[in-house]
Amino acid sequence: MSAAATATILRDVGNSDAQQLGCCSQNTQPYRNSDFHIGQIVNQIAGAGDGHRVTIADPVGLYIQKPDFSAYALPNDPKLPKGASVEDCWQIVRGTDTMRDPVSGQLFPGNFILHAVFQIPESWTKAGVSFTVGDITIKHNGIATPIQYAAQITETFQIGLYAWSIRAKAPEVPQACVADLTPPRAGPIQLLYQQIWDAYAGTPIDNPNQFPMNLTGNAVVVPAHVGQDATGLNMVLVCETVTLGPNGELPTVTVPGPEPDIVIKVTGVQALTYVMPGHTNPGPFHLLTLKVDVTKNARLGLRDILVTNFNQTPRDPGPARGSEVMEGINCGQFISSRQLGDHVRVICPERTCGNDQPPV
């Protein structure tokens, strides 16, 4: 979604070359086909004709498309029901095959499938069909191969994101390529409790490339919430482009607001090789260790976090890249939500402030 949103900004390099556009916009991860393709198509829609505003089809999402069944083949079975086809094995569990735009009344192109299964239909089994999914073949490089792995099926369908255009009053003026700030400014990525980070970091993950990996790249499942009147909280903050002062001075971490009701002290920093959630390849980051104190009257709700390198002027916080925030309810149960940016959520410590039942 972030790649689609930032791709609406036109660039003076044009949009005929997806790789060039992505590198110019710095909104995609290098060497990923999907990121560059999404960015190019959305940018072409935004810049077409006299210009367009662009939105994502509602409900927003990346959607599974119906497989191309032309390479599939069913085994011969006399008990197959009349008219049966391999498409009958593709069953939508969540989402829909088609969806109509409520504004224009027209059908959106493609499919809006969120969860599908490939299995032998119950009607076939009742009719006495004895074969299994493993007896169905898919041609790969001209060779009919029995289905052994789900990956064989995924190779036959695509994923869709639908950019819906609305004609603009005037074309947008193309902008220059994104350039690194000089000196660089620190960007927060993910805020976690120290104990949880240590548990993730201490859990190695095997992978085919034998690259040293652990669970920290999946750390988005952990909420960063604090209670009013909480003191001495040990937390960590993953950041990019952190720089130290000439004598090793640490950056500062603050929570902007009219009153300093959340005080964060940076106690240490270490270099980190980290896979940003949602990305494929690891990169260089820094891990700040923090001590957090919250006043008893701290304002409730999501609060921004601002990281400022030594000897730089603080600025208004912008959204951090690739972050997912989770919200907490005060009984210690967690319920997820999708937010952009790094935040800390302040909650009321009394049980009467919220629900004491587990979330659904």
Protein backbone atom coordinates (compact mmCIF):
# COMPACT_ATOMS: atom_id res chain seq x y z
CA MET A 1 0.00 0.00 0.00
CA SER A 2 2.85 2.36 0.81
CA ALA A 3 4.46 1.69 -2.58
CA ALA A 4 1.17 2.50 -4.31
CA ALA A 5 0.61 5.69 -2.32
CA THR A 6 4.08 7.14 -2.89
CA ALA A 7 3.95 6.15 -6.56
CA THR A 8 1.28 8.81 -7.15
CA ILE A 9 4.06 11.44 -7.07
CA LEU A 10 5.23 12.09 -10.62
CA ARG A 11 9.00 12.21 -11.20
CA ASP A 12 10.95 14.05 -13.86
CA VAL A 13 12.59 10.79 -15.02
CA GLY A 14 9.23 9.65 -16.35
CA ASN A 15 7.68 6.23 -15.83
CA SER A 16 8.61 4.17 -18.87
CA ASP A 17 11.35 2.34 -16.95
CA ALA A 18 10.09 0.72 -13.74
CA GLN A 19 13.56 0.23 -12.22
CA GLN A 20 14.60 3.80 -12.93
CA LEU A 21 11.36 5.18 -11.47
CA GLY A 22 11.64 3.06 -8.33
CA CYS A 23 15.23 4.09 -7.70
CA CYS A 24 14.30 7.72 -8.30
CA SER A 25 11.34 7.59 -5.90
CA GLN A 26 13.12 5.36 -3.35
CA ASN A 27 9.77 3.78 -2.51
CA THR A 28 10.61 0.21 -3.51
CA GLN A 29 13.01 -2.48 -2.38
CA PRO A 30 15.66 -3.24 -5.00
CA TYR A 31 15.42 -6.48 -6.98
CA ARG A 32 11.75 -7.10 -6.12
CA ASN A 33 9.53 -7.42 -9.17
CA SER A 34 6.23 -6.58 -7.46
CA ASP A 35 7.34 -3.29 -5.87
CA PHE A 36 8.62 -1.80 -9.11
CA HIS A 37 5.63 -3.03 -11.11
CA ILE A 38 3.12 -1.55 -8.64
CA GLY A 39 5.00 1.75 -8.59
CA GLN A 40 5.19 2.01 -12.36
CA ILE A 41 1.54 1.19 -13.09
CA VAL A 42 0.18 3.53 -10.40
CA ASN A 43 2.51 6.30 -11.57
CA GLN A 44 1.38 5.84 -15.17
CA ILE A 45 -2.26 6.13 -14.09
CA ALA A 46 -1.53 9.26 -12.05
CA GLY A 47 0.26 10.91 -14.96
CA ALA A 48 -2.04 9.85 -17.80
CA GLY A 49 -3.56 12.63 -19.91
CA ASP A 50 -4.20 15.74 -17.86
CA GLY A 51 -3.46 13.89 -14.64
CA HIS A 52 -5.47 11.77 -12.23
CA ARG A 53 -5.92 11.34 -8.55
CA VAL A 54 -5.56 7.70 -7.59
CA THR A 55 -7.19 5.61 -4.92
CA ILE A 56 -7.18 1.90 -4.18
CA ALA A 57 -10.31 -0.15 -4.77
CA ASP A 58 -12.33 -0.49 -1.56
CA PRO A 59 -11.77 -2.64 0.43
CA VAL A 60 -8.06 -1.93 0.18
CA GLY A 61 -5.90 -5.01 -0.26
CA LEU A 62 -3.74 -7.25 -2.37
CA TYR A 63 -5.99 -9.85 -3.97
CA ILE A 64 -5.45 -13.37 -5.28
CA GLN A 65 -6.48 -13.79 -8.92
CA LYS A 66 -8.12 -16.87 -10.41
CA PRO A 67 -5.49 -19.35 -11.69
CA ASP A 68 -4.92 -19.99 -15.36
CA PHE A 69 -6.32 -23.51 -15.59
CA SER A 70 -5.27 -24.09 -19.21
CA ALA A 71 -2.24 -26.12 -18.10
CA TYR A 72 -4.20 -28.29 -15.63
CA ALA A 73 -5.51 -31.76 -16.45
CA LEU A 74 -7.77 -34.15 -14.54
CA PRO A 75 -7.12 -37.89 -14.58
CA ASN A 76 -9.61 -40.12 -16.38
CA ASP A 77 -12.27 -41.26 -13.97
CA PRO A 78 -15.65 -42.59 -15.16
CA LYS A 79 -17.32 -41.40 -11.97
CA LEU A 80 -16.55 -37.74 -12.54
CA PRO A 81 -19.86 -35.79 -12.64
CA LYS A 82 -20.94 -34.59 -16.05
CA GLY A 83 -19.43 -31.22 -16.91
CA ALA A 84 -16.83 -31.42 -14.13
CA SER A 85 -13.69 -29.37 -14.66
CA VAL A 86 -10.53 -28.64 -12.74
CA GLU A 87 -11.91 -25.18 -11.94
CA ASP A 88 -14.36 -26.88 -9.57
CA CYS A 89 -11.40 -27.65 -7.29
CA TRP A 90 -10.69 -23.91 -6.85
CA GLN A 91 -12.96 -22.77 -4.03
CA ILE A 92 -13.11 -19.25 -2.60
CA VAL A 93 -13.26 -19.20 1.21
CA ARG A 94 -12.97 -15.45 1.79
CA GLY A 95 -13.34 -12.63 -0.67
CA THR A 96 -15.25 -12.63 -3.92
CA ASP A 97 -14.76 -13.55 -7.56
CA THR A 98 -16.07 -10.16 -8.73
CA MET A 99 -16.86 -6.80 -7.14
CA ARG A 100 -18.82 -3.83 -8.40
CA ASP A 101 -17.69 -0.23 -7.94
CA PRO A 102 -20.42 1.46 -5.85
CA VAL A 103 -19.78 4.83 -7.53
CA SER A 104 -19.83 3.94 -11.23
CA GLY A 105 -21.78 0.72 -10.95
CA GLN A 106 -19.15 -0.98 -13.12
CA LEU A 107 -17.35 -4.20 -12.29
CA PHE A 108 -13.79 -3.85 -11.14
CA PRO A 109 -11.36 -5.80 -13.31
CA GLY A 110 -10.09 -9.11 -11.99
CA ASN A 111 -10.86 -10.95 -8.77
CA PHE A 112 -10.95 -9.98 -5.09
CA ILE A 113 -9.99 -13.25 -3.43
CA LEU A 114 -8.40 -13.25 0.02
CA HIS A 115 -8.44 -16.97 0.84
CA ALA A 116 -8.94 -19.90 -1.49
CA VAL A 117 -8.42 -23.65 -1.30
CA PHE A 118 -7.68 -26.21 -4.00
CA GLN A 119 -9.33 -29.50 -3.10
CA ILE A 120 -11.50 -32.29 -4.47
CA PRO A 121 -15.15 -31.09 -4.32
CA GLU A 122 -17.42 -32.94 -1.93
CA SER A 123 -19.83 -33.69 -4.78
CA TRP A 124 -17.07 -35.56 -6.62
CA THR A 125 -16.29 -37.66 -3.56
CA LYS A 126 -19.97 -38.52 -3.10
CA ALA A 127 -20.10 -39.53 -6.78
CA GLY A 128 -17.35 -42.08 -6.09
CA VAL A 129 -14.32 -40.26 -7.50
CA SER A 130 -11.24 -41.93 -6.03
CA PHE A 131 -8.34 -39.74 -7.17
CA THR A 132 -6.73 -36.99 -5.08
CA VAL A 133 -5.25 -33.57 -5.80
CA GLY A 134 -1.92 -35.34 -6.27
CA ASP A 135 -3.30 -37.06 -9.36
CA ILE A 136 -4.12 -33.74 -11.06
CA THR A 137 -1.31 -32.50 -13.32
CA ILE A 138 -0.04 -29.05 -14.30
CA LYS A 139 2.15 -28.58 -17.34
CA HIS A 140 5.46 -26.99 -16.48
CA ASN A 141 7.86 -26.32 -19.35
CA GLY A 142 5.63 -28.54 -21.48
CA ILE A 143 5.77 -31.50 -19.08
CA ALA A 144 2.60 -32.61 -17.24
CA THR A 145 3.64 -32.87 -13.59
CA PRO A 146 1.43 -34.20 -10.75
CA ILE A 147 0.67 -31.64 -8.03
CA GLN A 148 2.95 -32.28 -5.09
CA TYR A 149 3.35 -28.81 -3.63
CA ALA A 150 1.13 -25.75 -3.22
CA ALA A 151 3.84 -23.73 -4.97
CA GLN A 152 2.91 -25.42 -8.25
CA ILE A 153 -0.55 -23.87 -7.97
CA THR A 154 0.74 -20.43 -6.96
CA GLU A 155 2.79 -20.34 -10.16
CA THR A 156 -0.46 -20.32 -12.12
CA PHE A 157 -2.08 -17.25 -10.55
CA GLN A 158 -1.17 -13.63 -9.92
CA ILE A 159 -1.78 -11.10 -7.16
CA GLY A 160 -3.68 -7.92 -7.98
CA LEU A 161 -3.77 -4.40 -6.58
CA TYR A 162 -6.35 -2.13 -8.23
CA ALA A 163 -5.61 1.56 -8.66
CA TRP A 164 -8.82 3.48 -9.34
CA SER A 165 -8.34 6.80 -11.12
CA ILE A 166 -10.29 10.02 -10.62
CA ARG A 167 -9.63 12.79 -13.11
CA ALA A 168 -7.71 15.67 -11.55
CA LYS A 169 -8.47 19.37 -12.11
CA ALA A 170 -4.91 20.00 -13.25
CA PRO A 171 -1.84 17.83 -13.97
CA GLU A 172 0.72 17.46 -11.22
CA VAL A 173 4.15 18.99 -11.72
CA PRO A 174 6.84 16.25 -11.82
CA GLN A 175 9.35 16.38 -8.99
CA ALA A 176 13.05 15.62 -8.86
CA CYS A 177 14.35 12.31 -7.57
CA VAL A 178 14.43 11.71 -3.83
CA ALA A 179 17.84 12.59 -2.39
CA ASP A 180 19.40 11.64 0.92
CA LEU A 181 19.39 14.38 3.53
CA THR A 182 22.78 15.82 4.40
CA PRO A 183 23.47 15.21 7.19
CA PRO A 184 21.13 12.19 7.41
CA ARG A 185 18.21 12.22 9.82
CA ALA A 186 17.33 9.20 11.92
CA GLY A 187 14.17 7.29 11.09
CA PRO A 188 12.36 5.09 13.64
CA ILE A 189 11.33 1.65 12.39
CA GLN A 190 10.04 -0.49 15.25
CA LEU A 191 9.53 0.01 18.99
CA LEU A 192 9.49 -3.05 21.27
CA TYR A 193 9.98 -4.06 24.84
CA GLN A 194 13.56 -5.15 25.56
CA GLN A 195 12.61 -8.61 26.84
CA ILE A 196 10.54 -9.39 23.77
CA TRP A 197 13.26 -8.15 21.42
CA ASP A 198 15.82 -10.34 23.21
CA ALA A 199 13.54 -13.36 22.85
CA TYR A 200 13.13 -12.74 19.10
CA ALA A 201 16.83 -12.07 18.59
CA GLY A 202 17.71 -15.26 20.46
CA THR A 203 15.58 -17.46 18.18
CA PRO A 204 17.53 -18.49 15.05
CA ILE A 205 15.68 -19.29 11.84
CA ASP A 206 16.89 -21.86 9.30
CA ASN A 207 16.74 -20.75 5.68
CA PRO A 208 17.89 -22.17 2.32
CA ASN A 209 20.59 -19.52 1.88
CA GLN A 210 22.10 -20.32 5.27
CA PHE A 211 22.07 -16.61 6.11
CA PRO A 212 22.18 -15.84 9.86
CA MET A 213 18.57 -14.93 10.63
CA ASN A 214 16.32 -14.71 13.67
CA LEU A 215 12.73 -13.77 14.47
CA THR A 216 13.30 -10.02 14.79
CA GLY A 217 12.08 -9.53 11.21
CA ASN A 218 8.66 -10.76 12.44
CA ALA A 219 8.62 -8.40 15.41
CA VAL A 220 5.52 -6.59 14.12
CA VAL A 221 3.34 -8.97 16.11
CA VAL A 222 4.43 -7.27 19.36
CA PRO A 223 2.59 -4.15 20.56
CA ALA A 224 4.38 -1.14 21.98
CA HIS A 225 1.92 0.11 24.57
CA VAL A 226 2.57 1.64 27.96
CA GLY A 227 0.36 2.46 30.91
CA GLN A 228 -0.07 5.78 32.65
CA ASP A 229 2.23 6.24 35.67
CA ALA A 230 4.59 3.52 34.40
CA THR A 231 8.29 4.13 35.08
CA GLY A 232 11.60 2.48 34.27
CA LEU A 233 10.29 0.62 31.20
CA ASN A 234 13.08 -1.07 29.25
CA MET A 235 12.42 -0.78 25.53
CA VAL A 236 14.35 -0.82 22.25
CA LEU A 237 13.88 1.15 19.05
CA VAL A 238 15.13 0.00 15.65
CA CYS A 239 16.26 3.00 13.59
CA GLU A 240 17.92 3.75 10.28
CA THR A 241 20.50 6.47 9.48
CA VAL A 242 21.48 7.01 13.09
CA THR A 243 24.68 9.01 13.59
CA LEU A 244 26.60 9.75 16.77
CA GLY A 245 28.24 12.98 17.86
CA PRO A 246 32.02 13.55 17.64
CA ASN A 247 32.45 12.21 21.17
CA GLY A 248 29.93 9.40 20.83
CA GLU A 249 26.90 11.50 21.79
CA LEU A 250 23.69 9.52 21.38
CA PRO A 251 20.59 10.64 19.49
CA THR A 252 17.52 11.71 21.45
CA VAL A 253 14.09 10.09 21.36
CA THR A 254 11.11 12.28 22.22
CA VAL A 255 7.33 12.14 22.14
CA PRO A 256 6.12 15.49 20.74
CA GLY A 257 3.32 17.23 22.58
CA PRO A 258 2.41 20.32 24.59
CA GLU A 259 3.51 18.61 27.84
CA PRO A 260 6.48 16.26 28.38
CA ASP A 261 4.26 13.48 29.72
CA ILE A 262 6.44 10.69 28.30
CA VAL A 263 10.18 10.92 28.93
CA ILE A 264 12.51 8.64 26.98
CA LYS A 265 16.21 8.33 27.77
CA VAL A 266 18.54 6.68 25.25
CA THR A 267 20.97 4.49 27.19
CA GLY A 268 22.88 2.81 24.37
CA VAL A 269 23.20 2.10 20.66
CA GLN A 270 24.46 -0.85 18.63
CA ALA A 271 24.82 -1.57 14.93
CA LEU A 272 22.31 -4.09 13.65
CA THR A 273 21.75 -6.22 10.55
CA TYR A 274 17.99 -6.37 10.31
CA VAL A 275 15.23 -7.42 7.92
CA MET A 276 12.65 -4.65 7.95
CA PRO A 277 9.15 -6.17 8.29
CA GLY A 278 7.68 -6.62 4.83
CA HIS A 279 11.09 -6.63 3.13
CA THR A 280 13.09 -9.52 1.77
CA ASN A 281 16.74 -8.63 2.30
CA PRO A 282 18.56 -7.54 5.47
CA GLY A 283 20.25 -4.17 5.73
CA PRO A 284 22.21 -1.99 8.16
CA PHE A 285 20.25 -0.41 11.03
CA HIS A 286 20.85 0.67 14.62
CA LEU A 287 19.21 -0.51 17.82
CA LEU A 288 18.66 2.10 20.52
CA THR A 289 18.11 0.91 24.08
CA LEU A 290 15.67 3.09 25.98
CA LYS A 291 14.40 3.81 29.48
CA VAL A 292 10.81 5.10 29.38
CA ASP A 293 8.85 6.97 32.07
CA VAL A 294 5.16 7.88 31.69
CA THR A 295 3.38 10.41 33.90
CA LYS A 296 0.12 9.50 35.60
CA ASN A 297 -1.79 12.06 33.51
CA ALA A 298 -0.20 11.22 30.17
CA ARG A 299 -2.55 11.75 27.24
CA LEU A 300 -4.10 8.47 26.12
CA GLY A 301 -3.93 7.07 22.61
CA LEU A 302 -1.34 6.75 19.87
CA ARG A 303 1.63 9.05 20.29
CA ASP A 304 4.31 9.91 17.74
CA ILE A 305 7.99 9.14 18.32
CA LEU A 306 10.72 11.44 17.04
CA VAL A 307 14.40 10.46 16.80
CA THR A 308 16.92 13.30 16.44
CA ASN A 309 20.63 12.79 15.78
CA PHE A 310 23.13 14.75 17.87
CA ASN A 311 23.41 18.45 17.05
CA GLN A 312 20.37 18.43 14.74
CA THR A 313 17.16 20.40 15.11
CA PRO A 314 14.07 18.29 15.87
CA ARG A 315 11.42 18.23 13.15
CA ASP A 316 7.79 17.19 13.02
CA PRO A 317 7.61 13.40 12.96
CA GLY A 318 6.81 11.70 9.68
CA PRO A 319 5.60 8.14 9.13
CA ALA A 320 8.26 5.51 9.62
CA ARG A 321 8.77 2.96 6.88
CA GLY A 322 7.41 -0.55 6.93
CA SER A 323 6.01 -0.51 10.45
CA GLU A 324 2.91 -2.13 11.82
CA VAL A 325 1.60 -1.04 15.21
CA MET A 326 -0.51 -3.18 17.49
CA GLU A 327 -2.97 -1.81 19.99
CA GLY A 328 -3.40 -3.19 23.48
CA ILE A 329 -6.32 -3.41 25.88
CA ASN A 330 -5.58 -3.01 29.54
CA CYS A 331 -6.16 -6.63 30.60
CA GLY A 332 -3.02 -7.70 28.80
CA GLN A 333 -4.71 -9.20 25.76
CA PHE A 334 -3.67 -7.89 22.35
CA ILE A 335 -5.71 -7.02 19.29
CA SER A 336 -4.01 -6.00 16.07
CA SER A 337 -4.55 -2.99 13.86
CA ARG A 338 -2.75 -1.64 10.82
CA GLN A 339 -1.07 1.69 11.41
CA LEU A 340 1.73 3.42 9.53
CA GLY A 341 4.64 4.78 11.52
CA ASP A 342 6.23 4.17 14.87
CA HIS A 343 4.12 5.07 17.84
CA VAL A 344 3.71 4.34 21.50
CA ARG A 345 0.15 3.82 22.74
CA VAL A 346 -0.68 5.07 26.21
CA ILE A 347 -3.43 3.15 27.99
CA CYS A 348 -5.25 3.56 31.26
CA PRO A 349 -3.89 1.15 33.89
CA GLU A 350 -7.22 0.49 35.67
CA ARG A 351 -9.26 -2.47 34.45
CA THR A 352 -12.38 -0.28 34.44
CA CYS A 353 -10.94 1.67 31.51
CA GLY A 354 -11.57 -1.11 29.05
CA ASN A 355 -12.67 -4.64 28.40
CA ASP A 356 -11.47 -7.47 30.63
CA GLN A 357 -12.45 -10.17 28.13
CA PRO A 358 -10.07 -11.64 25.55
CA PRO A 359 -10.43 -10.02 22.13
CA VAL A 360 -11.87 -11.96 19.23
